[in-house]
Amino acid sequence: MPASAPAASPRLAAWVERYAHPAILIGATALWWALRPDEGATLITLIAVLLLCAALEARVPAMPQWRQSLGTRLRLIGVYVLALAVSVLLLGGYETVLNPALSGFRAGLGDALWPQSWPLALQVALLFFASDLIYYWIHRAIHRWGPLWRLTGHGFHHGFHNLHALNVGTNHPFEAVFLVLPLVLLAAATGASDLAVEAAGILLLVNAVLAHANLRMHTPGLSWLITCSEHHRRHHSLVFAESNSNYACNAIVWDRLFGTYSQGPVAQTGIGPSEPGLWRMYLLPFREPGDADTVSSRKHGRGD
């Protein structure tokens, strides 16, 4: 560990590994609930979780050698702000298009299918797992089909070395089209209440942050169902075979059920031995570095 790094606390590290995941999910949901219906509730909750993760990553990192400079953090924040802005625009567009388009289905079948009488917590859980099931198959297809990998710019998200919580928002604008679709599609098709959709959205958002964090988190029981950092770090592995697993960003149970679950240590993240510059990453849908090892590069005979 670098001399400048703070000494890790074994007691804090043990607590983070076993309890931080559920504690942060519950705490973030409680904060969001207390702030709603303020329009800034989601943003404030997200910032609070990112700051907490950054503090824990500095104190008890899973990979102490994975340090981010201030310049790197500022660049990632800039990318995240852009991705959030694109997502907000897409959400508005999807709601405008999908709600009228699916109104007939919703009136005929959606309302009958959705369990409106269930307690809110169960409706939120259903949206959480169902939306991530949709994303599981989208994500799996991206990693299996070279043209879709390129079309979505997914290499942008995987291109960074030294994964941290801030990397959750490092997505190419092309990919935002797919990221925000599952939950909005479910809501438009089923007529789920706005409150249930918003609550599921905050859980999905916060858990995705935790899944990318440079923290060792594995809560018995919970980690069988919900994706934690140990699972998703594996998905970002520099080793091609390791990265083609654990496609569910939030509900790892789908990987367990569909045979794509894997576990084990990760030495480095990325798509190649060198990390492309930021502007080069934005061009990944059009051209990948010569040392990249992705489904797209392998289709062109450049992978191992």
Protein backbone atom coordinates (compact mmCIF):
# COMPACT_ATOMS: atom_id res chain seq x y z
CA MET A 1 0.00 0.00 0.00
CA PRO A 2 1.35 3.51 -0.75
CA ALA A 3 2.84 5.31 2.20
CA SER A 4 0.35 8.13 1.80
CA ALA A 5 -2.64 5.79 2.09
CA PRO A 6 -4.45 5.82 5.44
CA ALA A 7 -4.07 2.74 7.59
CA ALA A 8 -6.98 0.39 7.13
CA SER A 9 -9.14 -0.45 10.11
CA PRO A 10 -9.75 -4.22 10.32
CA ARG A 11 -12.91 -3.65 12.33
CA LEU A 12 -14.31 -1.16 9.84
CA ALA A 13 -13.32 -3.38 6.91
CA ALA A 14 -15.12 -6.34 8.50
CA TRP A 15 -18.24 -4.25 9.09
CA VAL A 16 -18.22 -2.92 5.52
CA GLU A 17 -17.82 -6.40 4.08
CA ARG A 18 -20.71 -7.89 6.03
CA TYR A 19 -23.16 -5.06 6.69
CA ALA A 20 -22.45 -1.98 4.55
CA HIS A 21 -24.45 -3.14 1.53
CA PRO A 22 -27.84 -3.50 3.24
CA ALA A 23 -27.15 -0.57 5.58
CA ILE A 24 -26.45 1.83 2.72
CA LEU A 25 -29.43 0.60 0.70
CA ILE A 26 -31.75 1.13 3.67
CA GLY A 27 -30.19 4.46 4.64
CA ALA A 28 -30.33 5.83 1.09
CA THR A 29 -33.95 4.78 0.68
CA ALA A 30 -34.83 6.40 4.01
CA LEU A 31 -33.08 9.63 2.97
CA TRP A 32 -34.89 9.67 -0.37
CA TRP A 33 -38.22 9.00 1.35
CA ALA A 34 -37.64 11.84 3.83
CA LEU A 35 -36.79 14.28 1.02
CA ARG A 36 -39.57 13.38 -1.42
CA PRO A 37 -41.56 14.83 -3.11
CA ASP A 38 -38.75 17.35 -3.60
CA GLU A 39 -37.56 17.02 -7.22
CA GLY A 40 -33.97 17.00 -6.01
CA ALA A 41 -34.46 14.02 -3.69
CA THR A 42 -32.91 11.49 -6.06
CA LEU A 43 -29.93 13.69 -6.89
CA ILE A 44 -29.23 14.49 -3.23
CA THR A 45 -29.45 10.80 -2.32
CA LEU A 46 -27.12 9.85 -5.15
CA ILE A 47 -24.53 12.45 -4.15
CA ALA A 48 -24.70 11.34 -0.50
CA VAL A 49 -24.08 7.69 -1.47
CA LEU A 50 -21.21 8.60 -3.79
CA LEU A 51 -19.54 10.69 -1.07
CA LEU A 52 -19.95 7.92 1.49
CA CYS A 53 -18.49 5.35 -0.91
CA ALA A 54 -15.56 7.63 -1.69
CA ALA A 55 -14.82 7.98 2.03
CA LEU A 56 -14.98 4.21 2.57
CA GLU A 57 -12.90 3.52 -0.55
CA ALA A 58 -10.19 5.79 0.85
CA ARG A 59 -10.30 4.08 4.25
CA VAL A 60 -10.87 0.38 3.50
CA PRO A 61 -10.46 -0.21 -0.25
CA ALA A 62 -10.88 -3.73 -1.59
CA MET A 63 -7.92 -3.07 -3.89
CA PRO A 64 -5.58 -0.61 -2.11
CA GLN A 65 -3.43 -0.21 -5.22
CA TRP A 66 -6.42 1.11 -7.17
CA ARG A 67 -6.12 4.81 -6.37
CA GLN A 68 -7.77 7.63 -8.30
CA SER A 69 -6.13 11.01 -8.66
CA LEU A 70 -8.12 14.21 -8.23
CA GLY A 71 -7.91 14.80 -11.97
CA THR A 72 -9.34 11.36 -12.68
CA ARG A 73 -12.21 11.93 -10.26
CA LEU A 74 -13.05 15.27 -11.81
CA ARG A 75 -13.11 13.73 -15.29
CA LEU A 76 -15.37 10.92 -14.09
CA ILE A 77 -17.71 13.43 -12.46
CA GLY A 78 -17.91 15.32 -15.75
CA VAL A 79 -18.73 12.11 -17.64
CA TYR A 80 -21.34 11.21 -15.01
CA VAL A 81 -23.05 14.61 -15.25
CA LEU A 82 -23.26 14.23 -19.03
CA ALA A 83 -24.68 10.69 -18.70
CA LEU A 84 -27.28 11.88 -16.18
CA ALA A 85 -28.34 14.74 -18.45
CA VAL A 86 -28.76 12.36 -21.41
CA SER A 87 -30.70 9.91 -19.20
CA VAL A 88 -33.10 12.61 -18.04
CA LEU A 89 -33.80 13.61 -21.66
CA LEU A 90 -34.33 9.98 -22.63
CA LEU A 91 -36.67 9.36 -19.71
CA GLY A 92 -38.86 12.24 -20.82
CA GLY A 93 -38.83 10.96 -24.40
CA TYR A 94 -39.62 7.38 -23.41
CA GLU A 95 -42.50 8.46 -21.21
CA THR A 96 -43.92 10.58 -24.03
CA VAL A 97 -43.70 7.72 -26.55
CA LEU A 98 -44.24 4.57 -24.48
CA ASN A 99 -47.22 5.63 -22.41
CA PRO A 100 -49.51 6.28 -25.41
CA ALA A 101 -48.07 3.34 -27.35
CA LEU A 102 -48.75 0.86 -24.54
CA SER A 103 -52.01 2.36 -23.31
CA GLY A 104 -54.04 -0.34 -25.06
CA PHE A 105 -51.98 -3.16 -23.59
CA ARG A 106 -52.11 -1.55 -20.16
CA ALA A 107 -55.88 -1.15 -20.29
CA GLY A 108 -56.47 -4.67 -21.52
CA LEU A 109 -53.86 -6.67 -19.66
CA GLY A 110 -51.29 -4.55 -17.85
CA ASP A 111 -53.57 -3.33 -15.08
CA ALA A 112 -54.84 -6.86 -14.57
CA LEU A 113 -51.31 -8.24 -14.32
CA TRP A 114 -49.89 -5.65 -11.96
CA PRO A 115 -50.52 -6.46 -8.26
CA GLN A 116 -51.91 -3.06 -7.25
CA SER A 117 -53.13 -4.49 -3.93
CA TRP A 118 -49.69 -5.66 -2.85
CA PRO A 119 -47.84 -3.68 -0.17
CA LEU A 120 -45.64 -0.98 -1.66
CA ALA A 121 -42.44 -2.78 -0.62
CA LEU A 122 -43.39 -5.89 -2.59
CA GLN A 123 -44.32 -3.85 -5.66
CA VAL A 124 -40.94 -2.11 -5.48
CA ALA A 125 -39.14 -5.46 -5.15
CA LEU A 126 -41.04 -6.82 -8.16
CA LEU A 127 -40.05 -3.80 -10.27
CA PHE A 128 -36.44 -4.07 -9.06
CA PHE A 129 -36.02 -7.71 -10.06
CA ALA A 130 -38.18 -7.59 -13.20
CA SER A 131 -36.44 -4.53 -14.65
CA ASP A 132 -33.03 -6.06 -14.01
CA LEU A 133 -34.16 -9.26 -15.71
CA ILE A 134 -34.84 -7.22 -18.84
CA TYR A 135 -31.48 -5.49 -18.53
CA TYR A 136 -29.75 -8.85 -17.91
CA TRP A 137 -30.70 -10.05 -21.39
CA ILE A 138 -29.84 -6.72 -23.01
CA HIS A 139 -26.47 -6.68 -21.25
CA ARG A 140 -25.77 -10.31 -22.09
CA ALA A 141 -26.54 -9.64 -25.76
CA ILE A 142 -24.18 -6.65 -25.76
CA HIS A 143 -21.33 -8.85 -24.52
CA ARG A 144 -22.10 -11.67 -26.94
CA TRP A 145 -22.68 -9.72 -30.17
CA GLY A 146 -19.91 -7.51 -31.52
CA PRO A 147 -22.09 -5.07 -33.51
CA LEU A 148 -24.28 -4.39 -30.45
CA TRP A 149 -21.17 -3.89 -28.30
CA ARG A 150 -20.05 -1.22 -30.75
CA LEU A 151 -23.51 0.30 -31.26
CA THR A 152 -24.00 0.86 -27.52
CA GLY A 153 -20.48 2.09 -26.85
CA HIS A 154 -20.35 -0.37 -23.94
CA GLY A 155 -16.57 -0.48 -24.22
CA PHE A 156 -16.60 3.03 -22.73
CA HIS A 157 -17.99 1.69 -19.46
CA HIS A 158 -15.50 -1.18 -19.38
CA GLY A 159 -12.50 0.79 -20.57
CA PHE A 160 -11.45 2.20 -17.20
CA HIS A 161 -8.82 0.60 -15.02
CA ASN A 162 -9.21 0.64 -11.22
CA LEU A 163 -12.96 0.44 -10.74
CA HIS A 164 -14.59 2.78 -8.17
CA ALA A 165 -18.11 3.89 -7.25
CA LEU A 166 -17.83 6.91 -9.57
CA ASN A 167 -17.44 4.56 -12.53
CA VAL A 168 -21.12 3.71 -12.27
CA GLY A 169 -21.89 6.76 -14.42
CA THR A 170 -19.15 6.29 -17.01
CA ASN A 171 -21.40 5.31 -19.88
CA HIS A 172 -21.30 6.34 -23.50
CA PRO A 173 -24.32 8.48 -24.47
CA PHE A 174 -25.26 5.77 -26.98
CA GLU A 175 -25.73 3.28 -24.14
CA ALA A 176 -28.08 5.47 -22.14
CA VAL A 177 -30.82 4.46 -24.58
CA PHE A 178 -30.67 0.92 -23.16
CA LEU A 179 -29.93 1.73 -19.52
CA VAL A 180 -33.09 3.69 -18.79
CA LEU A 181 -35.43 1.54 -20.89
CA PRO A 182 -36.29 -1.49 -18.66
CA LEU A 183 -37.94 0.28 -15.73
CA VAL A 184 -39.74 2.82 -17.92
CA LEU A 185 -40.99 0.03 -20.19
CA LEU A 186 -42.35 -1.94 -17.24
CA ALA A 187 -44.05 1.13 -15.80
CA ALA A 188 -45.66 2.02 -19.13
CA ALA A 189 -46.80 -1.56 -19.78
CA THR A 190 -48.19 -2.39 -16.35
CA GLY A 191 -49.45 0.89 -14.93
CA ALA A 192 -47.37 0.51 -11.78
CA SER A 193 -47.79 3.50 -9.48
CA ASP A 194 -45.39 6.42 -9.81
CA LEU A 195 -44.32 5.97 -6.19
CA ALA A 196 -43.40 2.31 -6.70
CA VAL A 197 -41.48 3.15 -9.87
CA GLU A 198 -39.59 5.99 -8.21
CA ALA A 199 -38.70 3.84 -5.19
CA ALA A 200 -37.49 1.01 -7.42
CA GLY A 201 -35.49 3.54 -9.41
CA ILE A 202 -33.63 4.81 -6.35
CA LEU A 203 -32.84 1.25 -5.25
CA LEU A 204 -31.52 0.37 -8.71
CA LEU A 205 -29.45 3.54 -8.85
CA VAL A 206 -27.93 3.17 -5.37
CA ASN A 207 -27.22 -0.53 -5.75
CA ALA A 208 -25.46 0.12 -9.05
CA VAL A 209 -23.19 2.60 -7.24
CA LEU A 210 -22.37 -0.01 -4.59
CA ALA A 211 -21.75 -2.68 -7.23
CA HIS A 212 -19.01 -0.52 -8.77
CA ALA A 213 -17.40 0.53 -5.49
CA ASN A 214 -13.81 -0.41 -4.65
CA LEU A 215 -15.05 -2.04 -1.46
CA ARG A 216 -15.20 -5.61 -0.28
CA MET A 217 -18.90 -6.27 0.32
CA HIS A 218 -20.53 -9.66 0.69
CA THR A 219 -23.55 -9.99 2.94
CA PRO A 220 -24.65 -13.62 3.40
CA GLY A 221 -28.12 -14.19 1.99
CA LEU A 222 -28.43 -10.76 0.39
CA SER A 223 -25.50 -11.43 -1.94
CA TRP A 224 -27.22 -14.52 -3.29
CA LEU A 225 -29.99 -12.31 -4.67
CA ILE A 226 -28.51 -8.85 -5.17
CA THR A 227 -25.36 -7.89 -7.04
CA CYS A 228 -22.55 -6.66 -4.82
CA SER A 229 -19.13 -5.21 -5.59
CA GLU A 230 -17.44 -8.63 -5.50
CA HIS A 231 -19.73 -9.80 -8.32
CA HIS A 232 -19.53 -6.74 -10.53
CA ARG A 233 -15.78 -6.25 -10.18
CA ARG A 234 -15.51 -9.70 -11.78
CA HIS A 235 -17.67 -8.51 -14.66
CA HIS A 236 -15.26 -5.61 -15.29
CA SER A 237 -12.19 -7.86 -15.25
CA LEU A 238 -9.47 -7.29 -17.82
CA VAL A 239 -9.59 -11.05 -18.46
CA PHE A 240 -12.11 -11.60 -21.26
CA ALA A 241 -13.53 -14.87 -19.94
CA GLU A 242 -14.09 -13.38 -16.48
CA SER A 243 -15.79 -10.26 -17.81
CA ASN A 244 -18.30 -12.33 -19.76
CA SER A 245 -20.24 -13.22 -16.63
CA ASN A 246 -22.35 -11.56 -13.91
CA TYR A 247 -24.42 -9.52 -16.37
CA ALA A 248 -27.08 -8.48 -13.83
CA CYS A 249 -25.97 -5.16 -12.45
CA ASN A 250 -28.48 -5.32 -9.61
CA ALA A 251 -30.05 -8.78 -9.30
CA ILE A 252 -27.27 -11.38 -9.44
CA VAL A 253 -29.89 -14.09 -8.94
CA TRP A 254 -30.52 -13.99 -12.70
CA ASP A 255 -26.90 -14.93 -13.41
CA ARG A 256 -27.18 -17.77 -10.94
CA LEU A 257 -30.36 -19.04 -12.57
CA PHE A 258 -29.20 -18.67 -16.19
CA GLY A 259 -25.68 -20.07 -15.75
CA THR A 260 -23.59 -16.92 -16.18
CA TYR A 261 -22.51 -16.47 -12.56
CA SER A 262 -18.81 -16.54 -11.68
CA GLN A 263 -16.66 -15.58 -8.72
CA GLY A 264 -13.01 -15.09 -7.93
CA PRO A 265 -10.32 -12.43 -7.51
CA VAL A 266 -9.76 -9.71 -10.10
CA ALA A 267 -6.30 -8.29 -10.71
CA GLN A 268 -7.32 -5.43 -13.01
CA THR A 269 -10.32 -4.02 -14.85
CA GLY A 270 -10.49 -2.67 -18.38
CA ILE A 271 -10.65 -3.78 -22.03
CA GLY A 272 -6.90 -3.88 -22.60
CA PRO A 273 -3.52 -3.45 -20.90
CA SER A 274 -3.64 0.31 -21.50
CA GLU A 275 -6.53 2.59 -20.58
CA PRO A 276 -7.69 4.70 -23.54
CA GLY A 277 -7.84 8.45 -23.07
CA LEU A 278 -11.26 9.92 -22.38
CA TRP A 279 -11.85 11.30 -25.87
CA ARG A 280 -10.62 8.03 -27.37
CA MET A 281 -13.27 6.26 -25.30
CA TYR A 282 -16.02 8.34 -26.84
CA LEU A 283 -14.84 7.05 -30.23
CA LEU A 284 -14.92 3.38 -29.19
CA PRO A 285 -18.17 2.68 -31.10
CA PHE A 286 -16.23 3.51 -34.26
CA ARG A 287 -12.69 2.32 -33.50
CA GLU A 288 -11.19 0.25 -30.69
CA PRO A 289 -7.51 0.37 -29.64
CA GLY A 290 -5.24 -2.27 -31.15
CA ASP A 291 -4.66 -3.90 -27.76
CA ALA A 292 -8.37 -4.14 -26.86
CA ASP A 293 -9.73 -7.60 -26.07
CA THR A 294 -13.49 -7.40 -26.52
CA VAL A 295 -16.19 -9.34 -28.32
CA SER A 296 -15.85 -6.84 -31.17
CA SER A 297 -12.05 -7.10 -31.46
CA ARG A 298 -12.27 -10.91 -31.40
CA LYS A 299 -14.76 -10.87 -34.23
CA HIS A 300 -12.15 -8.95 -36.21
CA GLY A 301 -9.37 -11.39 -35.27
CA ARG A 302 -7.52 -9.05 -32.90
CA GLY A 303 -8.25 -10.79 -29.57
CA ASP A 304 -6.33 -13.62 -27.97
